[in-house]
Amino acid sequence: ARVVLLSGRAVWFPANFLRNHAPLQVKSLSPNPNDVIQKRKDFIDKQDDTFVKDTKKLYLQVCAWMVRIDSDLEILDKGTGKPRTVTAIVNERSKTSFRTECY
């Protein structure tokens, strides 16, 4: 049972759409539509259970990427001509340190 993400929490179920708007003229379907609905609920329950863990994992991956890209990229300061890291420039402009949030 496929789920199509439309926007935010809005989803579309093509199987429901086809069943409601283009029904098949057959005596039985394989799999049974009730089985599809239960499998969909099981899938969503599993996603609910793993969402926080998956989000934390992705957050750590982004933080590691930010640290790596910051150490790989240096930008020449227009005023002094000295190399500066991306984090130093962003921190100066925003007055907050996003690097420390990753630790």
N, C-alpha and C. Protein backbone atom coordinates (compact mmCIF):
# COMPACT_ATOMS: atom_id res chain seq x y z
N ALA A 1 0.85 -1.18 0.00
CA ALA A 1 0.00 0.00 0.00
C ALA A 1 0.89 1.23 0.00
N ARG A 2 0.93 1.92 -1.10
CA ARG A 2 1.76 3.11 -1.24
C ARG A 2 1.08 4.32 -0.64
N VAL A 3 1.91 5.21 -0.09
CA VAL A 3 1.44 6.47 0.47
C VAL A 3 2.22 7.56 -0.25
N VAL A 4 1.53 8.58 -0.72
CA VAL A 4 2.17 9.70 -1.40
C VAL A 4 2.09 10.91 -0.48
N LEU A 5 3.27 11.45 -0.13
CA LEU A 5 3.32 12.64 0.70
C LEU A 5 3.01 13.86 -0.16
N LEU A 6 1.98 14.59 0.21
CA LEU A 6 1.59 15.79 -0.55
C LEU A 6 2.28 17.02 0.00
N SER A 7 2.12 17.26 1.30
CA SER A 7 2.74 18.41 1.95
C SER A 7 2.57 18.27 3.45
N GLY A 8 3.64 18.47 4.20
CA GLY A 8 3.54 18.38 5.65
C GLY A 8 3.03 17.01 6.07
N ARG A 9 1.88 16.99 6.73
CA ARG A 9 1.30 15.73 7.18
C ARG A 9 0.19 15.25 6.25
N ALA A 10 -0.02 15.93 5.14
CA ALA A 10 -1.07 15.55 4.19
C ALA A 10 -0.54 14.44 3.28
N VAL A 11 -1.26 13.33 3.25
CA VAL A 11 -0.88 12.19 2.41
C VAL A 11 -2.04 11.78 1.53
N TRP A 12 -1.71 11.05 0.50
CA TRP A 12 -2.71 10.56 -0.46
C TRP A 12 -2.46 9.07 -0.65
N PHE A 13 -3.53 8.29 -0.60
CA PHE A 13 -3.45 6.85 -0.80
C PHE A 13 -4.00 6.51 -2.17
N PRO A 14 -3.15 6.24 -3.15
CA PRO A 14 -3.63 5.93 -4.50
C PRO A 14 -4.59 4.74 -4.53
N ALA A 15 -4.36 3.74 -3.68
CA ALA A 15 -5.24 2.56 -3.69
C ALA A 15 -6.67 2.95 -3.33
N ASN A 16 -6.82 3.81 -2.32
CA ASN A 16 -8.17 4.27 -1.95
C ASN A 16 -8.80 5.06 -3.09
N PHE A 17 -8.01 5.92 -3.71
CA PHE A 17 -8.51 6.73 -4.81
C PHE A 17 -9.01 5.84 -5.94
N LEU A 18 -8.19 4.87 -6.32
CA LEU A 18 -8.58 3.98 -7.42
C LEU A 18 -9.80 3.13 -7.05
N ARG A 19 -9.84 2.65 -5.81
CA ARG A 19 -10.98 1.84 -5.38
C ARG A 19 -12.27 2.66 -5.40
N ASN A 20 -12.20 3.94 -5.02
CA ASN A 20 -13.39 4.79 -4.96
C ASN A 20 -13.79 5.37 -6.32
N HIS A 21 -12.83 5.68 -7.16
CA HIS A 21 -13.13 6.40 -8.41
C HIS A 21 -12.97 5.56 -9.67
N ALA A 22 -12.32 4.41 -9.58
CA ALA A 22 -12.17 3.54 -10.75
C ALA A 22 -12.23 2.09 -10.29
N PRO A 23 -13.38 1.69 -9.73
CA PRO A 23 -13.46 0.33 -9.17
C PRO A 23 -13.35 -0.74 -10.26
N LEU A 24 -12.71 -1.84 -9.88
CA LEU A 24 -12.59 -2.98 -10.78
C LEU A 24 -13.84 -3.83 -10.68
N GLN A 25 -14.27 -4.37 -11.78
CA GLN A 25 -15.45 -5.23 -11.81
C GLN A 25 -15.01 -6.69 -11.71
N VAL A 26 -14.47 -7.07 -10.55
CA VAL A 26 -14.04 -8.45 -10.33
C VAL A 26 -14.67 -8.98 -9.05
N LYS A 27 -14.70 -10.32 -8.91
CA LYS A 27 -15.32 -10.92 -7.74
C LYS A 27 -14.43 -10.85 -6.51
N SER A 28 -13.13 -10.96 -6.68
CA SER A 28 -12.24 -10.90 -5.52
C SER A 28 -10.93 -10.20 -5.92
N LEU A 29 -10.34 -9.58 -4.95
CA LEU A 29 -9.07 -8.90 -5.16
C LEU A 29 -7.99 -9.57 -4.33
N SER A 30 -6.80 -9.57 -4.85
CA SER A 30 -5.67 -10.09 -4.10
C SER A 30 -4.61 -9.00 -4.06
N PRO A 31 -4.23 -8.51 -2.93
CA PRO A 31 -4.70 -8.84 -1.59
C PRO A 31 -6.06 -8.22 -1.30
N ASN A 32 -6.67 -8.73 -0.28
CA ASN A 32 -7.95 -8.23 0.18
C ASN A 32 -7.81 -6.76 0.60
N PRO A 33 -8.72 -5.87 0.20
CA PRO A 33 -8.62 -4.46 0.59
C PRO A 33 -8.53 -4.26 2.10
N ASN A 34 -9.18 -5.11 2.88
CA ASN A 34 -9.06 -4.98 4.34
C ASN A 34 -7.65 -5.29 4.82
N ASP A 35 -6.98 -6.23 4.17
CA ASP A 35 -5.59 -6.53 4.51
C ASP A 35 -4.69 -5.34 4.19
N VAL A 36 -4.96 -4.68 3.09
CA VAL A 36 -4.18 -3.51 2.70
C VAL A 36 -4.32 -2.41 3.75
N ILE A 37 -5.53 -2.19 4.21
CA ILE A 37 -5.77 -1.16 5.22
C ILE A 37 -5.02 -1.50 6.50
N GLN A 38 -5.05 -2.75 6.92
CA GLN A 38 -4.34 -3.16 8.14
C GLN A 38 -2.84 -3.02 7.97
N LYS A 39 -2.33 -3.43 6.82
CA LYS A 39 -0.89 -3.29 6.57
C LYS A 39 -0.48 -1.82 6.59
N ARG A 40 -1.31 -0.95 6.03
CA ARG A 40 -1.05 0.49 6.04
C ARG A 40 -0.99 1.01 7.47
N LYS A 41 -1.94 0.58 8.30
CA LYS A 41 -1.94 1.01 9.70
C LYS A 41 -0.70 0.51 10.43
N ASP A 42 -0.32 -0.74 10.17
CA ASP A 42 0.89 -1.29 10.78
C ASP A 42 2.13 -0.50 10.37
N PHE A 43 2.21 -0.15 9.08
CA PHE A 43 3.33 0.62 8.57
C PHE A 43 3.41 1.99 9.26
N ILE A 44 2.28 2.66 9.37
CA ILE A 44 2.25 3.99 9.98
C ILE A 44 2.60 3.89 11.47
N ASP A 45 2.11 2.86 12.15
CA ASP A 45 2.46 2.66 13.56
C ASP A 45 3.97 2.46 13.71
N LYS A 46 4.56 1.69 12.80
CA LYS A 46 6.00 1.46 12.85
C LYS A 46 6.74 2.78 12.63
N GLN A 47 6.27 3.58 11.68
CA GLN A 47 6.89 4.88 11.43
C GLN A 47 6.79 5.78 12.65
N ASP A 48 5.64 5.75 13.33
CA ASP A 48 5.48 6.53 14.56
C ASP A 48 6.48 6.10 15.62
N ASP A 49 6.71 4.79 15.72
CA ASP A 49 7.63 4.28 16.73
C ASP A 49 9.07 4.65 16.45
N THR A 50 9.47 4.72 15.20
CA THR A 50 10.88 4.96 14.86
C THR A 50 11.17 6.41 14.47
N PHE A 51 10.16 7.26 14.43
CA PHE A 51 10.35 8.63 13.93
C PHE A 51 11.38 9.40 14.75
N VAL A 52 11.28 9.37 16.07
CA VAL A 52 12.19 10.15 16.92
C VAL A 52 13.62 9.65 16.74
N LYS A 53 13.79 8.32 16.75
CA LYS A 53 15.13 7.74 16.58
C LYS A 53 15.71 8.12 15.22
N ASP A 54 14.91 7.99 14.17
CA ASP A 54 15.38 8.32 12.83
C ASP A 54 15.72 9.81 12.71
N THR A 55 14.91 10.65 13.34
CA THR A 55 15.16 12.10 13.28
C THR A 55 16.46 12.44 13.99
N LYS A 56 16.70 11.85 15.15
CA LYS A 56 17.95 12.11 15.87
C LYS A 56 19.15 11.64 15.06
N LYS A 57 19.01 10.48 14.41
CA LYS A 57 20.10 9.96 13.60
C LYS A 57 20.42 10.92 12.44
N LEU A 58 19.38 11.39 11.76
CA LEU A 58 19.59 12.34 10.66
C LEU A 58 20.17 13.65 11.15
N TYR A 59 19.73 14.13 12.33
CA TYR A 59 20.26 15.36 12.91
C TYR A 59 21.76 15.22 13.16
N LEU A 60 22.18 14.08 13.72
CA LEU A 60 23.61 13.86 13.96
C LEU A 60 24.40 13.79 12.66
N GLN A 61 23.81 13.18 11.63
CA GLN A 61 24.49 13.12 10.34
C GLN A 61 24.67 14.53 9.76
N VAL A 62 23.65 15.36 9.90
CA VAL A 62 23.75 16.74 9.40
C VAL A 62 24.81 17.50 10.19
N CYS A 63 24.83 17.32 11.50
CA CYS A 63 25.84 18.00 12.32
C CYS A 63 27.25 17.57 11.93
N ALA A 64 27.44 16.27 11.72
CA ALA A 64 28.76 15.79 11.29
C ALA A 64 29.14 16.37 9.94
N TRP A 65 28.17 16.44 9.04
CA TRP A 65 28.42 17.03 7.73
C TRP A 65 28.79 18.50 7.86
N MET A 66 28.09 19.23 8.74
CA MET A 66 28.39 20.66 8.92
C MET A 66 29.81 20.87 9.43
N VAL A 67 30.23 20.03 10.38
CA VAL A 67 31.59 20.14 10.92
C VAL A 67 32.60 19.82 9.82
N ARG A 68 32.33 18.76 9.04
CA ARG A 68 33.26 18.37 7.97
C ARG A 68 33.35 19.44 6.89
N ILE A 69 32.22 19.96 6.47
CA ILE A 69 32.23 20.97 5.41
C ILE A 69 32.88 22.26 5.91
N ASP A 70 32.68 22.56 7.19
CA ASP A 70 33.29 23.76 7.76
C ASP A 70 34.81 23.64 7.79
N SER A 71 35.31 22.45 8.08
CA SER A 71 36.77 22.29 8.12
C SER A 71 37.35 22.22 6.71
N ASP A 72 36.54 21.79 5.73
CA ASP A 72 37.03 21.69 4.36
C ASP A 72 36.99 23.03 3.62
N LEU A 73 36.04 23.87 3.97
CA LEU A 73 35.87 25.14 3.27
C LEU A 73 36.43 26.31 4.08
N GLU A 74 37.21 27.08 3.44
CA GLU A 74 37.66 28.32 4.05
C GLU A 74 37.37 29.44 3.06
N ILE A 75 36.93 30.55 3.58
CA ILE A 75 36.58 31.70 2.74
C ILE A 75 37.51 32.84 3.11
N LEU A 76 37.99 33.51 2.10
CA LEU A 76 38.85 34.67 2.36
C LEU A 76 38.01 35.83 2.84
N ASP A 77 38.41 36.39 3.97
CA ASP A 77 37.72 37.56 4.53
C ASP A 77 37.98 38.74 3.62
N LYS A 78 36.93 39.42 3.20
CA LYS A 78 37.08 40.56 2.28
C LYS A 78 37.87 41.69 2.92
N GLY A 79 37.71 41.85 4.22
CA GLY A 79 38.40 42.96 4.89
C GLY A 79 39.87 42.71 5.12
N THR A 80 40.21 41.51 5.59
CA THR A 80 41.60 41.24 5.96
C THR A 80 42.33 40.37 4.95
N GLY A 81 41.60 39.64 4.11
CA GLY A 81 42.24 38.74 3.15
C GLY A 81 42.68 37.43 3.76
N LYS A 82 42.40 37.24 5.06
CA LYS A 82 42.78 36.00 5.74
C LYS A 82 41.67 34.96 5.57
N PRO A 83 42.04 33.67 5.54
CA PRO A 83 41.01 32.64 5.43
C PRO A 83 40.20 32.52 6.72
N ARG A 84 38.90 32.32 6.56
CA ARG A 84 38.01 32.14 7.70
C ARG A 84 37.08 30.98 7.40
N THR A 85 36.64 30.29 8.44
CA THR A 85 35.73 29.17 8.23
C THR A 85 34.30 29.68 8.04
N VAL A 86 33.49 28.85 7.44
CA VAL A 86 32.09 29.19 7.23
C VAL A 86 31.40 29.42 8.57
N THR A 87 31.69 28.57 9.56
CA THR A 87 31.06 28.70 10.88
C THR A 87 31.38 30.04 11.51
N ALA A 88 32.62 30.47 11.41
CA ALA A 88 33.00 31.76 12.01
C ALA A 88 32.20 32.90 11.39
N ILE A 89 32.02 32.85 10.09
CA ILE A 89 31.27 33.91 9.41
C ILE A 89 29.80 33.87 9.81
N VAL A 90 29.21 32.67 9.82
CA VAL A 90 27.80 32.54 10.19
C VAL A 90 27.60 32.96 11.64
N ASN A 91 28.49 32.53 12.53
CA ASN A 91 28.37 32.90 13.94
C ASN A 91 28.46 34.40 14.13
N GLU A 92 29.33 35.03 13.41
CA GLU A 92 29.48 36.48 13.53
C GLU A 92 28.21 37.20 13.08
N ARG A 93 27.61 36.69 12.01
CA ARG A 93 26.40 37.34 11.48
C ARG A 93 25.17 37.05 12.33
N SER A 94 25.07 35.85 12.87
CA SER A 94 23.86 35.49 13.62
C SER A 94 24.00 35.68 15.12
N LYS A 95 25.23 35.85 15.60
CA LYS A 95 25.52 36.01 17.02
C LYS A 95 25.15 34.79 17.83
N THR A 96 25.02 33.64 17.17
CA THR A 96 24.80 32.38 17.87
C THR A 96 25.72 31.34 17.26
N SER A 97 26.03 30.33 18.02
CA SER A 97 26.90 29.27 17.53
C SER A 97 26.10 28.02 17.27
N PHE A 98 25.90 27.69 15.99
CA PHE A 98 25.16 26.47 15.68
C PHE A 98 26.05 25.26 15.79
N ARG A 99 27.36 25.43 15.79
CA ARG A 99 28.25 24.28 15.91
C ARG A 99 28.12 23.64 17.28
N THR A 100 28.01 24.43 18.34
CA THR A 100 27.94 23.86 19.68
C THR A 100 26.64 23.11 19.90
N GLU A 101 25.59 23.41 19.15
CA GLU A 101 24.32 22.70 19.30
C GLU A 101 24.44 21.25 18.85
N CYS A 102 25.42 20.94 18.03
CA CYS A 102 25.57 19.59 17.51
C CYS A 102 26.29 18.67 18.48
N TYR A 103 26.89 19.19 19.49
CA TYR A 103 27.66 18.35 20.42
C TYR A 103 26.83 17.96 21.61
